[in-house]
Amino acid sequence: MYTPPAMGYDRAITIFSPDGRLYQVEYAFEAVKRGWTTVGVRCREGVVLAVEKRRVTKLQDTASVEKVHKIDDHIAAAFAGIASDARVLIEIAREYALLNRLLYDEPIDVEVLVSKICDIKQAYTQHGGVRPFGVAFLFGGVDRKGPQLFMTEPSGVYIGYYAYAIGGGSSTVVDILEKKYSYDMSLDDAIILALYSLNAVVEGGIDSTRVEIAVIDVKTKQFKKLTTSEIDRYIELMKMRGV
């Protein structure tokens, strides 16, 4: 039988429970689990970020819903969780990227940017009067170290991955990625794998209006969001190959 936590531990971010847990941080993780499925795939040719898009109401203009964001020319971010929290942190990330170019006249490394965002996330887990950010990110980009993919947690932890998923259905997607991923795959193959894994968890299957994809390749190091016609072409390739 479930036993609810003691009220003090449940409400206060600055109080540990007797077993060393911060319940408010764990609730932030639950917000991420309820988010839209988000997939990142890193390969030798670049990085792919793909996100499920849902029509909340019939009158909603899905073109106005942006789930993959450009941080700098060479970095993109996708999120799962509370959109308002994500918006604030994305703007901060853009400011860090711009400041790095102004101060050092060079693009910021992906991990440096991720570390700065996670410093903010961690700070919001240890001060009274605030709550943790209920959002997880996948940051993808290409810098002087090559293709990079990082996942950030609400707690402020970040981890580098070759391929990963966050949000609802992420455990199923990760299982697929573990079975079918190869670092030597092409960027086209990585896009098809991301679509295949999303198709496994999106109710009714995906189409070009129900998914958003951005890529950054190692040749140009430039953010590019795929058009609906390009997504349709990759979906057809996915169906033909069956991955």
Protein backbone atom coordinates (compact mmCIF):
# COMPACT_ATOMS: atom_id res chain seq x y z
CA MET A 1 0.00 0.00 0.00
CA TYR A 2 1.28 3.47 -0.91
CA THR A 3 2.26 5.62 2.06
CA PRO A 4 2.33 9.35 1.34
CA PRO A 5 5.46 11.20 2.49
CA ALA A 6 5.43 13.33 5.61
CA MET A 7 4.01 16.77 4.89
CA GLY A 8 7.18 18.71 5.70
CA TYR A 9 9.34 16.68 3.35
CA ASP A 10 6.66 16.84 0.68
CA ARG A 11 6.36 20.63 0.57
CA ALA A 12 9.80 22.01 1.39
CA ILE A 13 12.54 21.90 -1.22
CA THR A 14 15.25 22.49 1.41
CA ILE A 15 14.36 19.54 3.68
CA PHE A 16 15.63 16.03 3.03
CA SER A 17 13.43 13.08 3.95
CA PRO A 18 14.92 10.55 6.38
CA ASP A 19 15.93 8.35 3.44
CA GLY A 20 17.76 11.21 1.70
CA ARG A 21 15.17 12.21 -0.90
CA LEU A 22 13.93 15.61 -2.09
CA TYR A 23 10.32 15.01 -3.02
CA GLN A 24 9.91 18.25 -4.97
CA VAL A 25 12.73 17.19 -7.29
CA GLU A 26 11.08 13.81 -7.79
CA TYR A 27 7.80 15.54 -8.67
CA ALA A 28 9.69 17.53 -11.31
CA PHE A 29 10.80 14.20 -12.82
CA GLU A 30 7.13 13.17 -12.98
CA ALA A 31 6.35 16.32 -14.98
CA VAL A 32 9.01 15.25 -17.49
CA LYS A 33 7.51 11.75 -17.76
CA ARG A 34 4.18 13.32 -18.74
CA GLY A 35 5.79 15.36 -21.52
CA TRP A 36 5.76 14.63 -25.25
CA THR A 37 8.20 12.01 -26.44
CA THR A 38 11.54 13.52 -27.45
CA VAL A 39 14.36 11.62 -29.18
CA GLY A 40 17.99 12.49 -29.84
CA VAL A 41 20.40 10.50 -32.04
CA ARG A 42 24.08 11.26 -32.48
CA CYS A 43 26.12 9.74 -35.31
CA ARG A 44 29.42 10.38 -37.08
CA GLU A 45 27.74 12.77 -39.54
CA GLY A 46 25.85 14.90 -37.02
CA VAL A 47 22.97 15.05 -34.54
CA VAL A 48 19.21 14.56 -34.93
CA LEU A 49 16.49 15.81 -32.56
CA ALA A 50 12.93 14.58 -33.15
CA VAL A 51 9.85 15.41 -31.09
CA GLU A 52 6.26 14.24 -31.10
CA LYS A 53 3.70 17.01 -31.70
CA ARG A 54 0.12 16.68 -30.50
CA ARG A 55 -2.96 18.66 -31.43
CA VAL A 56 -4.42 19.55 -28.04
CA THR A 57 -7.61 20.97 -29.55
CA LYS A 58 -9.11 20.87 -33.05
CA LEU A 59 -8.70 24.62 -33.42
CA GLN A 60 -5.02 24.67 -32.51
CA ASP A 61 -2.53 25.78 -35.16
CA THR A 62 0.21 23.15 -34.79
CA ALA A 63 2.64 25.39 -36.71
CA SER A 64 2.66 27.70 -33.68
CA VAL A 65 3.89 24.91 -31.39
CA GLU A 66 7.69 24.75 -31.47
CA LYS A 67 9.34 21.80 -29.73
CA VAL A 68 12.86 21.94 -31.18
CA HIS A 69 14.61 25.25 -30.64
CA LYS A 70 17.69 26.81 -32.19
CA ILE A 71 20.10 27.94 -29.47
CA ASP A 72 22.97 28.94 -31.74
CA ASP A 73 23.90 28.13 -35.34
CA HIS A 74 25.51 24.88 -34.14
CA ILE A 75 23.28 23.92 -31.18
CA ALA A 76 19.64 22.87 -30.84
CA ALA A 77 17.53 21.91 -27.84
CA ALA A 78 14.37 19.85 -27.45
CA PHE A 79 12.47 19.36 -24.22
CA ALA A 80 9.91 17.31 -22.35
CA GLY A 81 7.99 18.68 -19.40
CA ILE A 82 6.58 22.09 -18.51
CA ALA A 83 6.81 24.31 -21.60
CA SER A 84 6.95 27.58 -19.66
CA ASP A 85 9.97 26.36 -17.68
CA ALA A 86 11.63 25.27 -20.91
CA ARG A 87 11.02 28.66 -22.56
CA VAL A 88 12.81 30.52 -19.77
CA LEU A 89 15.85 28.22 -19.81
CA ILE A 90 16.05 28.27 -23.62
CA GLU A 91 16.24 32.07 -23.58
CA ILE A 92 18.99 31.89 -20.96
CA ALA A 93 20.87 29.34 -23.08
CA ARG A 94 20.69 31.67 -26.08
CA GLU A 95 22.08 34.51 -23.98
CA TYR A 96 25.02 32.34 -22.87
CA ALA A 97 25.73 31.33 -26.47
CA LEU A 98 25.62 34.95 -27.64
CA LEU A 99 27.78 36.15 -24.76
CA ASN A 100 30.43 33.54 -25.58
CA ARG A 101 30.63 34.82 -29.16
CA LEU A 102 30.90 38.43 -27.97
CA LEU A 103 33.61 37.71 -25.37
CA TYR A 104 35.70 35.06 -27.14
CA ASP A 105 34.71 35.48 -30.80
CA GLU A 106 33.96 31.76 -31.12
CA PRO A 107 30.93 29.47 -30.74
CA ILE A 108 30.33 27.98 -27.32
CA ASP A 109 31.06 24.28 -26.76
CA VAL A 110 27.90 22.22 -26.31
CA GLU A 111 28.96 20.78 -22.94
CA VAL A 112 29.93 24.21 -21.59
CA LEU A 113 26.46 25.52 -22.41
CA VAL A 114 24.77 22.45 -20.94
CA SER A 115 26.81 22.79 -17.74
CA LYS A 116 25.72 26.42 -17.31
CA ILE A 117 22.04 25.53 -17.74
CA CYS A 118 22.39 22.67 -15.26
CA ASP A 119 24.01 25.01 -12.73
CA ILE A 120 20.77 27.01 -12.81
CA LYS A 121 18.66 23.87 -12.51
CA GLN A 122 20.66 22.64 -9.53
CA ALA A 123 20.42 26.01 -7.76
CA TYR A 124 16.63 25.72 -7.88
CA THR A 125 16.78 22.48 -5.89
CA GLN A 126 18.36 23.98 -2.78
CA HIS A 127 16.69 27.33 -2.06
CA GLY A 128 13.49 28.05 -0.20
CA GLY A 129 10.72 29.92 -1.99
CA VAL A 130 11.44 28.33 -5.37
CA ARG A 131 10.69 25.03 -7.04
CA PRO A 132 12.75 22.85 -9.40
CA PHE A 133 12.35 23.33 -13.14
CA GLY A 134 9.93 20.63 -14.31
CA VAL A 135 11.68 20.09 -17.61
CA ALA A 136 14.38 17.87 -19.14
CA PHE A 137 16.34 18.79 -22.26
CA LEU A 138 18.15 17.05 -25.06
CA PHE A 139 20.89 19.38 -26.29
CA GLY A 140 22.42 18.43 -29.62
CA GLY A 141 25.13 20.16 -31.57
CA VAL A 142 28.42 20.02 -33.40
CA ASP A 143 31.47 21.77 -31.93
CA ARG A 144 35.26 21.37 -32.08
CA LYS A 145 34.90 17.94 -30.43
CA GLY A 146 32.47 16.76 -33.10
CA PRO A 147 28.80 15.75 -32.73
CA GLN A 148 27.48 16.06 -29.18
CA LEU A 149 24.26 14.96 -27.45
CA PHE A 150 23.46 15.68 -23.80
CA MET A 151 20.44 15.04 -21.62
CA THR A 152 19.74 17.32 -18.64
CA GLU A 153 17.59 16.33 -15.66
CA PRO A 154 15.47 18.59 -13.41
CA SER A 155 17.99 17.92 -10.63
CA GLY A 156 20.82 19.59 -12.57
CA VAL A 157 22.56 16.39 -13.65
CA TYR A 158 23.63 16.11 -17.29
CA ILE A 159 24.85 13.05 -19.19
CA GLY A 160 26.22 12.57 -22.68
CA TYR A 161 24.56 9.99 -24.93
CA TYR A 162 24.86 8.50 -28.39
CA ALA A 163 21.07 8.19 -28.49
CA TYR A 164 18.40 8.82 -25.87
CA ALA A 165 14.75 9.70 -25.29
CA ILE A 166 12.83 11.67 -22.68
CA GLY A 167 9.13 12.23 -22.00
CA GLY A 168 6.23 9.82 -22.23
CA GLY A 169 7.06 6.50 -23.84
CA SER A 170 10.79 7.12 -23.41
CA SER A 171 11.49 3.66 -21.96
CA THR A 172 10.06 1.98 -25.07
CA VAL A 173 12.02 4.30 -27.35
CA VAL A 174 15.28 3.70 -25.45
CA ASP A 175 14.80 -0.06 -25.83
CA ILE A 176 14.47 0.39 -29.60
CA LEU A 177 17.51 2.65 -29.76
CA GLU A 178 19.63 0.18 -27.80
CA LYS A 179 18.79 -2.58 -30.26
CA LYS A 180 19.12 -0.68 -33.53
CA TYR A 181 21.61 2.14 -32.94
CA SER A 182 25.04 2.24 -34.58
CA TYR A 183 27.47 5.14 -34.35
CA ASP A 184 28.62 4.50 -37.93
CA MET A 185 25.14 5.11 -39.36
CA SER A 186 24.62 8.03 -41.73
CA LEU A 187 22.65 11.13 -40.81
CA ASP A 188 19.78 9.90 -43.01
CA ASP A 189 19.79 6.59 -41.12
CA ALA A 190 19.74 8.46 -37.80
CA ILE A 191 16.69 10.45 -38.93
CA ILE A 192 14.91 7.27 -39.99
CA LEU A 193 15.76 5.58 -36.67
CA ALA A 194 14.39 8.56 -34.73
CA LEU A 195 11.16 8.41 -36.75
CA TYR A 196 10.90 4.64 -36.32
CA SER A 197 11.27 4.88 -32.55
CA LEU A 198 8.69 7.70 -32.33
CA ASN A 199 6.28 5.75 -34.52
CA ALA A 200 6.34 2.93 -31.96
CA VAL A 201 4.92 5.13 -29.19
CA VAL A 202 2.76 7.73 -30.96
CA GLU A 203 -0.87 6.64 -30.98
CA GLY A 204 -2.04 6.10 -34.55
CA GLY A 205 1.49 6.45 -35.96
CA ILE A 206 3.35 9.53 -37.09
CA ASP A 207 3.00 11.81 -40.10
CA SER A 208 4.68 15.07 -41.07
CA THR A 209 2.21 17.11 -38.99
CA ARG A 210 2.80 15.07 -35.83
CA VAL A 211 6.56 15.25 -35.59
CA GLU A 212 9.20 17.98 -35.60
CA ILE A 213 12.80 17.26 -36.61
CA ALA A 214 16.00 19.30 -36.61
CA VAL A 215 19.47 18.24 -37.70
CA ILE A 216 22.99 19.64 -37.36
CA ASP A 217 25.60 18.01 -39.59
CA VAL A 218 29.36 18.01 -39.14
CA LYS A 219 30.07 19.59 -42.55
CA THR A 220 28.12 22.82 -42.15
CA LYS A 221 27.67 22.89 -38.35
CA GLN A 222 24.38 24.62 -39.06
CA PHE A 223 20.97 24.11 -37.46
CA LYS A 224 18.34 22.98 -39.94
CA LYS A 225 14.69 22.14 -39.31
CA LEU A 226 13.19 19.68 -41.77
CA THR A 227 10.16 20.71 -43.81
CA THR A 228 6.97 18.63 -43.93
CA SER A 229 7.85 17.38 -47.42
CA GLU A 230 11.28 16.25 -46.23
CA ILE A 231 9.73 14.50 -43.23
CA ASP A 232 7.21 12.77 -45.54
CA ARG A 233 10.10 11.48 -47.64
CA TYR A 234 11.90 10.06 -44.60
CA ILE A 235 8.69 8.46 -43.34
CA GLU A 236 8.31 6.70 -46.71
CA LEU A 237 11.91 5.48 -46.45
CA MET A 238 11.21 4.26 -42.92
CA LYS A 239 8.20 2.25 -44.12
CA MET A 240 10.16 0.80 -47.06
CA ARG A 241 13.12 -0.27 -44.93
CA GLY A 242 11.21 -1.27 -41.83
CA VAL A 243 14.44 -0.29 -40.08
